[in-house]
Amino acid sequence: MKNNQKTPRGPQTTAIHAGEPERFRKSAPVGIDICRTSSFTFASTQEMKRWAEGKSKAWIYTRYGNPTLDVAEKKIAALEGAEDCVVTASGMAAISSALLGVLKAGDEVISTAQLYGGTFRLMRDILPRFGIGVRQVGTDLAGLEKQLTPQVRALYVESPTNPTLRLVDLRKAADFARKHKLVSIIDNTFASPVLQQPVKMGFDLVVHSATKYLNGHTDLIAGAVAGKASLVHKARNMVICLGGSMDPEAAYMLIRGMKTLGVRVERQCANAMAVAKFLEKHPKVARVHYPGLAAHPDHKLAKSQMSGFGSMMAIDLKGGLPAARRFCDRVRLFLLAASLGGVESLVVLPLFTSHYNMSKEELSRSGVGPGTVRVSVGLEDVADLIADLRQALA
């Protein structure tokens, strides 16, 4: 639903209050209701007719929308500085709905080669089955102009990338898309709207796996598409037609999780910086991929377009896959699990999870090596996290 907030507020205030019913000077519940229903009644057949003609905004069926989903959508739209938002059943439902909303058979999309594995497989295996071509560029956008054809309709990027934290110059990408009348789409999951607002840098659509930072508690699957109202409307139609709609219970959990988004991300960023500095000096670590470190190739870019460096990183261990497996099997506080952005610290091998079923060439372009471990830093005491890493690497 459209974001009608007029007075600018800080991200944590926005995360708590945006999109919620007016309660000041009223006797009203502080918490948000869960609208547990599949269907809504019409007042009359005349109202039903008006809805069918697009003249009524009445609720009809939760796949089309729901009051609880509406609150989550308004909150995310406000956080992203977007006109509108639609929430979805998963991050992949958000990504596929955003892309299919603007692409049809015969169209092409230019995408960065470094992507979350699920998005990569969507681009490689699924879109071509629908007659949609995919062209790739690096995160540095070199050769972007050469990828243009009359069929290209969209530019899709991920920044920071999963799992090696490379960055795309978002202003450059958005300017290019605008110049060539392409729809610009970015996966903002790794940054969250607390650290990066691509809409303000010119992007048309922002997609999220809301499972991650937005929810932050590893207890639901969710996604979101935010941006220009006309384009969100197209994504919403895809959600309605293809069925990737969010459940009201999940929407409530997402709303509750977002209320602590700002404080969680701030603490996670601080923990991650300390962890990255420790790992950077460890003799068994060949490389730390974290944009907060001066040695990271996109450190200056991160400082210019992000308000913090996030809590995601990847490390390349000396000794390759055997060393990476030993490390992951030895951690005790860090949990060996997929996903990211939650309060718990996690480690995972991209080779066996997000980037499985990819060729050596595809893995190389993604920056994933046999010794690569993705690390999601949570909210535990940082001294305990470092102690666990030290014993696991011993």
Protein backbone atom coordinates (compact mmCIF):
# COMPACT_ATOMS: atom_id res chain seq x y z
CA MET A 1 0.00 0.00 0.00
CA LYS A 2 1.12 3.56 -0.65
CA ASN A 3 3.36 5.35 1.83
CA ASN A 4 1.62 8.54 2.97
CA GLN A 5 4.16 9.59 5.62
CA LYS A 6 5.03 13.26 5.18
CA THR A 7 7.28 14.16 8.11
CA PRO A 8 10.82 12.71 7.80
CA ARG A 9 11.79 10.53 10.76
CA GLY A 10 14.83 8.52 11.71
CA PRO A 11 14.99 4.86 10.67
CA GLN A 12 14.34 3.41 14.13
CA THR A 13 11.35 5.70 14.73
CA THR A 14 10.07 4.80 11.27
CA ALA A 15 10.51 1.08 11.95
CA ILE A 16 8.40 1.35 15.11
CA HIS A 17 5.61 3.70 14.04
CA ALA A 18 5.28 3.89 10.23
CA GLY A 19 2.20 2.33 8.67
CA GLU A 20 0.40 1.74 11.95
CA PRO A 21 -3.10 3.03 12.83
CA GLU A 22 -3.42 6.44 14.52
CA ARG A 23 -3.55 5.84 18.29
CA PHE A 24 -2.67 9.15 19.90
CA ARG A 25 -5.31 10.46 22.33
CA LYS A 26 -7.36 7.36 21.69
CA SER A 27 -8.18 4.28 23.70
CA ALA A 28 -6.53 1.78 21.36
CA PRO A 29 -4.28 -1.28 21.51
CA VAL A 30 -0.57 -0.60 21.17
CA GLY A 31 0.01 -3.86 19.33
CA ILE A 32 -1.12 -4.67 15.79
CA ASP A 33 -4.07 -6.96 15.14
CA ILE A 34 -3.64 -10.11 13.09
CA CYS A 35 -6.48 -10.23 10.58
CA ARG A 36 -6.88 -14.00 10.38
CA THR A 37 -9.26 -14.37 7.46
CA SER A 38 -9.20 -15.60 3.91
CA SER A 39 -12.21 -13.53 2.78
CA PHE A 40 -13.94 -10.21 3.46
CA THR A 41 -17.62 -9.39 3.12
CA PHE A 42 -19.05 -6.82 0.71
CA ALA A 43 -21.67 -4.36 1.94
CA SER A 44 -23.70 -4.87 -1.23
CA THR A 45 -23.56 -6.15 -4.79
CA GLN A 46 -23.05 -2.54 -5.85
CA GLU A 47 -19.79 -2.45 -3.83
CA MET A 48 -18.80 -5.77 -5.38
CA LYS A 49 -19.42 -4.30 -8.84
CA ARG A 50 -17.35 -1.19 -8.00
CA TRP A 51 -14.47 -3.42 -6.82
CA ALA A 52 -14.57 -5.40 -10.08
CA GLU A 53 -14.41 -2.12 -12.01
CA GLY A 54 -11.39 -0.97 -9.99
CA LYS A 55 -13.36 1.84 -8.32
CA SER A 56 -13.28 0.44 -4.78
CA LYS A 57 -10.37 -0.40 -2.49
CA ALA A 58 -12.43 -2.80 -0.42
CA TRP A 59 -10.72 -5.88 0.96
CA ILE A 60 -11.92 -9.03 -0.80
CA TYR A 61 -9.48 -11.91 -0.33
CA THR A 62 -6.16 -12.07 1.52
CA ARG A 63 -4.26 -13.09 -1.61
CA TYR A 64 -5.15 -9.62 -2.92
CA GLY A 65 -4.41 -7.82 0.35
CA ASN A 66 -5.18 -7.75 4.05
CA PRO A 67 -5.13 -5.09 6.82
CA THR A 68 -2.16 -6.77 8.56
CA LEU A 69 -0.20 -7.01 5.32
CA ASP A 70 -1.05 -3.36 4.70
CA VAL A 71 0.77 -2.28 7.87
CA ALA A 72 3.89 -4.25 6.91
CA GLU A 73 3.84 -2.77 3.41
CA LYS A 74 3.50 0.81 4.60
CA LYS A 75 6.30 0.31 7.12
CA ILE A 76 8.72 -1.05 4.51
CA ALA A 77 7.75 1.68 2.03
CA ALA A 78 8.49 4.31 4.67
CA LEU A 79 11.84 2.71 5.55
CA GLU A 80 12.88 2.63 1.88
CA GLY A 81 11.50 6.09 1.08
CA ALA A 82 9.32 4.41 -1.56
CA GLU A 83 5.89 5.27 -2.91
CA ASP A 84 4.47 1.80 -2.44
CA CYS A 85 5.28 -1.75 -1.35
CA VAL A 86 3.91 -5.26 -1.67
CA VAL A 87 4.94 -8.03 0.71
CA THR A 88 5.35 -11.59 -0.52
CA ALA A 89 5.63 -15.15 0.75
CA SER A 90 9.42 -15.23 0.26
CA GLY A 91 12.34 -13.24 -1.05
CA MET A 92 12.33 -15.26 -4.27
CA ALA A 93 8.61 -14.49 -4.71
CA ALA A 94 9.54 -10.79 -4.44
CA ILE A 95 12.37 -11.08 -6.96
CA SER A 96 10.42 -13.15 -9.49
CA SER A 97 7.30 -10.96 -9.16
CA ALA A 98 9.32 -7.78 -9.65
CA LEU A 99 11.05 -9.16 -12.75
CA LEU A 100 7.98 -10.76 -14.31
CA GLY A 101 6.03 -7.58 -13.67
CA VAL A 102 8.22 -5.65 -16.10
CA LEU A 103 9.45 -8.39 -18.50
CA LYS A 104 7.68 -10.50 -21.10
CA ALA A 105 8.70 -13.02 -23.74
CA GLY A 106 11.19 -11.44 -26.14
CA ASP A 107 12.51 -8.99 -23.54
CA GLU A 108 15.98 -9.04 -21.98
CA VAL A 109 17.40 -8.03 -18.62
CA ILE A 110 20.96 -6.98 -17.83
CA SER A 111 22.08 -8.40 -14.50
CA THR A 112 25.24 -8.34 -12.47
CA ALA A 113 26.95 -11.73 -12.58
CA GLN A 114 27.45 -11.82 -8.80
CA LEU A 115 24.08 -12.76 -7.37
CA TYR A 116 22.49 -14.82 -4.62
CA GLY A 117 22.43 -18.39 -5.93
CA GLY A 118 18.63 -18.59 -6.04
CA THR A 119 18.45 -15.42 -8.13
CA PHE A 120 21.26 -16.68 -10.35
CA ARG A 121 19.39 -19.93 -11.05
CA LEU A 122 16.19 -17.97 -11.74
CA MET A 123 18.12 -15.93 -14.32
CA ARG A 124 19.99 -18.92 -15.77
CA ASP A 125 17.34 -21.66 -15.74
CA ILE A 126 13.84 -20.19 -15.45
CA LEU A 127 13.59 -16.84 -17.25
CA PRO A 128 14.91 -18.25 -20.56
CA ARG A 129 12.08 -20.84 -20.45
CA PHE A 130 9.67 -17.89 -20.63
CA GLY A 131 11.54 -16.37 -23.56
CA ILE A 132 13.34 -13.75 -21.46
CA GLY A 133 17.03 -13.25 -22.22
CA VAL A 134 19.64 -12.48 -19.54
CA ARG A 135 22.85 -10.52 -20.12
CA GLN A 136 25.55 -10.19 -17.48
CA VAL A 137 28.06 -7.57 -16.36
CA GLY A 138 30.45 -7.37 -13.43
CA THR A 139 29.79 -5.37 -10.29
CA ASP A 140 32.06 -2.65 -11.71
CA LEU A 141 29.51 -2.29 -14.56
CA ALA A 142 32.31 -2.44 -17.12
CA GLY A 143 30.92 -3.01 -20.60
CA LEU A 144 27.39 -2.13 -19.54
CA GLU A 145 26.82 -0.06 -22.66
CA LYS A 146 27.84 -3.01 -24.87
CA GLN A 147 25.12 -5.18 -23.34
CA LEU A 148 22.36 -2.86 -24.52
CA THR A 149 20.02 -4.19 -27.19
CA PRO A 150 16.58 -2.97 -28.31
CA GLN A 151 15.11 -5.84 -26.28
CA VAL A 152 16.63 -4.85 -22.91
CA ARG A 153 13.95 -3.60 -20.53
CA ALA A 154 15.50 -3.83 -17.07
CA LEU A 155 18.75 -3.59 -15.10
CA TYR A 156 19.05 -5.85 -12.05
CA VAL A 157 21.81 -5.54 -9.45
CA GLU A 158 22.63 -6.82 -6.00
CA SER A 159 24.70 -4.66 -3.65
CA PRO A 160 26.41 -5.72 -1.46
CA THR A 161 26.58 -9.09 -3.19
CA ASN A 162 25.99 -12.48 -1.67
CA PRO A 163 28.36 -13.86 -0.50
CA THR A 164 31.54 -11.87 -1.27
CA LEU A 165 30.25 -8.38 -0.46
CA ARG A 166 31.17 -6.64 -3.70
CA LEU A 167 29.41 -3.34 -4.31
CA VAL A 168 27.78 -1.73 -7.33
CA ASP A 169 27.96 2.04 -7.82
CA LEU A 170 24.23 2.58 -7.35
CA ARG A 171 24.05 6.14 -8.65
CA LYS A 172 25.92 5.14 -11.80
CA ALA A 173 23.62 2.14 -12.32
CA ALA A 174 20.44 4.14 -11.73
CA ASP A 175 21.60 6.95 -14.05
CA PHE A 176 22.36 4.43 -16.80
CA ALA A 177 18.94 2.83 -16.45
CA ARG A 178 17.18 6.18 -16.49
CA LYS A 179 19.15 7.34 -19.55
CA HIS A 180 18.17 4.21 -21.51
CA LYS A 181 14.62 3.97 -20.13
CA LEU A 182 15.23 0.71 -18.30
CA VAL A 183 13.53 -0.32 -15.07
CA SER A 184 16.23 -0.43 -12.38
CA ILE A 185 15.86 -3.13 -9.70
CA ILE A 186 18.14 -3.81 -6.74
CA ASP A 187 18.27 -6.53 -4.12
CA ASN A 188 18.87 -4.54 -0.92
CA THR A 189 18.74 -7.53 1.45
CA PHE A 190 22.39 -7.43 2.58
CA ALA A 191 22.31 -3.72 3.43
CA SER A 192 18.75 -3.25 4.72
CA PRO A 193 17.05 0.16 4.40
CA VAL A 194 18.81 1.25 7.59
CA LEU A 195 22.18 1.30 5.81
CA GLN A 196 21.19 2.02 2.21
CA GLN A 197 18.16 3.56 0.46
CA PRO A 198 18.50 2.88 -3.27
CA VAL A 199 15.25 4.70 -4.14
CA LYS A 200 16.88 7.95 -3.05
CA MET A 201 19.77 7.14 -5.40
CA GLY A 202 17.41 6.74 -8.34
CA PHE A 203 16.34 3.08 -8.33
CA ASP A 204 12.83 2.21 -9.46
CA LEU A 205 12.34 -0.97 -7.41
CA VAL A 206 13.95 -2.47 -4.32
CA VAL A 207 13.50 -6.15 -3.44
CA HIS A 208 14.14 -7.83 -0.11
CA SER A 209 14.26 -11.22 1.43
CA ALA A 210 12.40 -9.93 4.49
CA THR A 211 13.33 -13.23 6.13
CA LYS A 212 16.69 -11.63 6.87
CA TYR A 213 17.33 -8.24 8.52
CA LEU A 214 13.78 -6.91 8.27
CA ASN A 215 12.44 -9.74 10.40
CA GLY A 216 15.72 -10.49 12.15
CA HIS A 217 14.70 -13.51 14.21
CA THR A 218 15.05 -16.49 11.85
CA ASP A 219 11.44 -17.49 12.34
CA LEU A 220 9.61 -16.66 9.10
CA ILE A 221 9.96 -16.64 5.32
CA ALA A 222 8.98 -13.36 3.66
CA GLY A 223 9.80 -10.92 0.88
CA ALA A 224 9.00 -7.39 -0.26
CA VAL A 225 9.04 -5.21 -3.37
CA ALA A 226 9.10 -1.44 -2.82
CA GLY A 227 9.48 1.53 -5.14
CA LYS A 228 7.47 3.43 -7.72
CA ALA A 229 3.75 2.86 -7.25
CA SER A 230 3.11 2.01 -10.91
CA LEU A 231 5.82 -0.68 -10.90
CA VAL A 232 4.85 -2.07 -7.49
CA HIS A 233 1.33 -2.40 -8.90
CA LYS A 234 2.71 -4.64 -11.65
CA ALA A 235 4.60 -6.73 -9.10
CA ARG A 236 1.47 -6.98 -6.96
CA ASN A 237 -0.47 -8.32 -9.95
CA MET A 238 2.18 -11.03 -10.35
CA VAL A 239 1.86 -11.90 -6.64
CA ILE A 240 -1.92 -12.14 -7.00
CA CYS A 241 -1.82 -14.20 -10.21
CA LEU A 242 1.06 -16.50 -9.29
CA GLY A 243 0.06 -16.88 -5.64
CA GLY A 244 3.19 -15.68 -3.85
CA SER A 245 1.17 -13.82 -1.22
CA MET A 246 2.11 -13.39 2.42
CA ASP A 247 0.14 -14.94 5.27
CA PRO A 248 -1.24 -12.51 7.92
CA GLU A 249 0.58 -14.38 10.71
CA ALA A 250 3.88 -13.91 8.88
CA ALA A 251 3.03 -10.24 8.30
CA TYR A 252 2.52 -9.77 12.04
CA MET A 253 5.86 -11.44 12.80
CA LEU A 254 7.54 -9.24 10.21
CA ILE A 255 6.02 -6.08 11.72
CA ARG A 256 7.17 -7.12 15.19
CA GLY A 257 10.65 -7.89 13.95
CA MET A 258 11.02 -4.56 12.14
CA LYS A 259 10.40 -2.63 15.35
CA THR A 260 13.96 -3.43 16.47
CA LEU A 261 15.58 -3.15 13.03
CA GLY A 262 17.63 -0.02 13.71
CA VAL A 263 19.11 -1.09 17.03
CA ARG A 264 19.80 -4.60 15.77
CA VAL A 265 21.65 -3.44 12.67
CA GLU A 266 23.69 -0.89 14.62
CA ARG A 267 24.90 -3.53 17.10
CA GLN A 268 25.48 -6.12 14.37
CA CYS A 269 27.61 -3.65 12.38
CA ALA A 270 29.78 -2.99 15.44
CA ASN A 271 30.17 -6.72 16.14
CA ALA A 272 30.99 -7.45 12.50
CA MET A 273 33.73 -4.81 12.35
CA ALA A 274 35.42 -6.32 15.40
CA VAL A 275 35.10 -9.85 13.99
CA ALA A 276 36.43 -8.76 10.58
CA LYS A 277 39.48 -7.09 12.13
CA PHE A 278 40.23 -10.23 14.16
CA LEU A 279 39.89 -12.52 11.14
CA GLU A 280 41.95 -10.20 8.91
CA LYS A 281 44.97 -10.76 11.17
CA HIS A 282 44.53 -14.51 11.64
CA PRO A 283 47.28 -16.57 9.96
CA LYS A 284 44.84 -19.24 8.72
CA VAL A 285 42.60 -16.74 6.93
CA ALA A 286 43.68 -15.89 3.39
CA ARG A 287 41.16 -13.09 2.87
CA VAL A 288 38.26 -11.35 4.57
CA HIS A 289 35.51 -9.97 2.31
CA TYR A 290 34.04 -7.12 4.37
CA PRO A 291 33.46 -3.60 2.96
CA GLY A 292 34.30 -2.02 6.30
CA LEU A 293 37.95 -3.02 5.92
CA ALA A 294 40.28 -0.63 4.09
CA ALA A 295 41.65 -3.59 2.08
CA HIS A 296 38.24 -4.32 0.55
CA PRO A 297 38.20 -3.25 -3.12
CA ASP A 298 34.90 -1.36 -2.66
CA HIS A 299 35.65 0.23 0.71
CA LYS A 300 35.53 3.82 -0.59
CA LEU A 301 32.32 3.15 -2.49
CA ALA A 302 30.75 1.64 0.62
CA LYS A 303 31.64 4.77 2.60
CA SER A 304 30.02 6.97 -0.06
CA GLN A 305 26.69 5.15 -0.49
CA MET A 306 26.11 3.26 2.76
CA SER A 307 25.69 4.58 6.31
CA GLY A 308 27.31 1.44 7.74
CA PHE A 309 29.05 -1.69 6.51
CA GLY A 310 26.58 -4.34 7.62
CA SER A 311 27.12 -7.61 9.46
CA MET A 312 27.72 -9.95 6.54
CA MET A 313 31.16 -11.10 5.45
CA ALA A 314 32.89 -13.98 3.74
CA ILE A 315 36.29 -15.45 4.51
CA ASP A 316 38.61 -17.52 2.33
CA LEU A 317 40.49 -20.04 4.43
CA LYS A 318 43.97 -21.24 3.62
CA GLY A 319 43.73 -24.93 2.87
CA GLY A 320 40.61 -24.68 0.70
CA LEU A 321 37.53 -26.84 1.20
CA PRO A 322 39.01 -29.21 3.84
CA ALA A 323 39.97 -26.24 6.01
CA ALA A 324 36.57 -24.59 5.48
CA ARG A 325 34.75 -27.78 6.46
CA ARG A 326 36.90 -28.24 9.58
CA PHE A 327 36.22 -24.65 10.61
CA CYS A 328 32.45 -24.97 10.11
CA ASP A 329 32.35 -28.28 11.97
CA ARG A 330 34.29 -26.83 14.92
CA VAL A 331 32.36 -23.63 15.69
CA ARG A 332 30.15 -23.88 18.78
CA LEU A 333 28.58 -20.43 19.22
CA PHE A 334 28.26 -19.68 15.52
CA LEU A 335 25.57 -21.98 14.17
CA LEU A 336 26.07 -23.94 10.96
CA ALA A 337 22.94 -22.84 9.14
CA ALA A 338 21.69 -21.07 6.03
CA SER A 339 20.01 -17.64 6.08
CA LEU A 340 21.43 -14.46 7.59
CA GLY A 341 20.66 -11.18 9.30
CA GLY A 342 19.16 -12.69 12.44
CA VAL A 343 20.15 -12.27 16.07
CA GLU A 344 22.11 -15.52 15.99
CA SER A 345 25.56 -15.66 14.37
CA LEU A 346 25.78 -18.18 11.53
CA VAL A 347 28.36 -19.72 9.22
CA VAL A 348 27.72 -21.63 6.02
CA LEU A 349 29.55 -22.98 2.99
CA PRO A 350 28.12 -21.29 -0.16
CA LEU A 351 29.49 -24.19 -2.21
CA PHE A 352 26.94 -26.52 -0.58
CA THR A 353 24.06 -24.06 -0.05
CA SER A 354 23.33 -20.80 -1.87
CA HIS A 355 25.78 -21.53 -4.72
CA TYR A 356 25.25 -25.26 -5.21
CA ASN A 357 24.79 -26.56 -8.77
CA MET A 358 27.01 -23.89 -10.29
CA SER A 359 29.92 -24.54 -12.63
CA LYS A 360 33.52 -23.70 -11.73
CA GLU A 361 33.35 -20.75 -14.12
CA GLU A 362 30.12 -19.48 -12.54
CA LEU A 363 31.55 -19.86 -9.05
CA SER A 364 34.68 -18.00 -10.10
CA ARG A 365 32.62 -15.09 -11.46
CA SER A 366 30.72 -15.04 -8.17
CA GLY A 367 33.96 -14.89 -6.21
CA VAL A 368 33.21 -18.18 -4.43
CA GLY A 369 36.16 -20.50 -3.91
CA PRO A 370 36.38 -23.95 -2.29
CA GLY A 371 37.57 -22.35 0.96
CA THR A 372 34.92 -19.63 1.10
CA VAL A 373 32.80 -19.43 4.26
CA ARG A 374 29.93 -16.94 4.57
CA VAL A 375 29.56 -15.42 8.02
CA SER A 376 26.47 -13.66 9.41
CA VAL A 377 27.34 -11.81 12.62
CA GLY A 378 24.55 -11.60 15.19
CA LEU A 379 23.94 -9.92 18.52
CA GLU A 380 25.98 -12.08 20.88
CA ASP A 381 28.73 -10.47 22.95
CA VAL A 382 31.57 -9.84 20.54
CA ALA A 383 34.22 -11.24 22.90
CA ASP A 384 32.37 -14.56 22.90
CA LEU A 385 32.12 -14.56 19.11
CA ILE A 386 35.84 -13.95 18.70
CA ALA A 387 36.67 -16.63 21.27
CA ASP A 388 34.60 -19.13 19.28
CA LEU A 389 36.29 -18.19 16.02
CA ARG A 390 39.72 -18.46 17.67
CA GLN A 391 39.09 -22.00 18.94
CA ALA A 392 37.54 -23.10 15.64
CA LEU A 393 40.58 -21.90 13.73
CA ALA A 394 43.07 -23.32 16.24
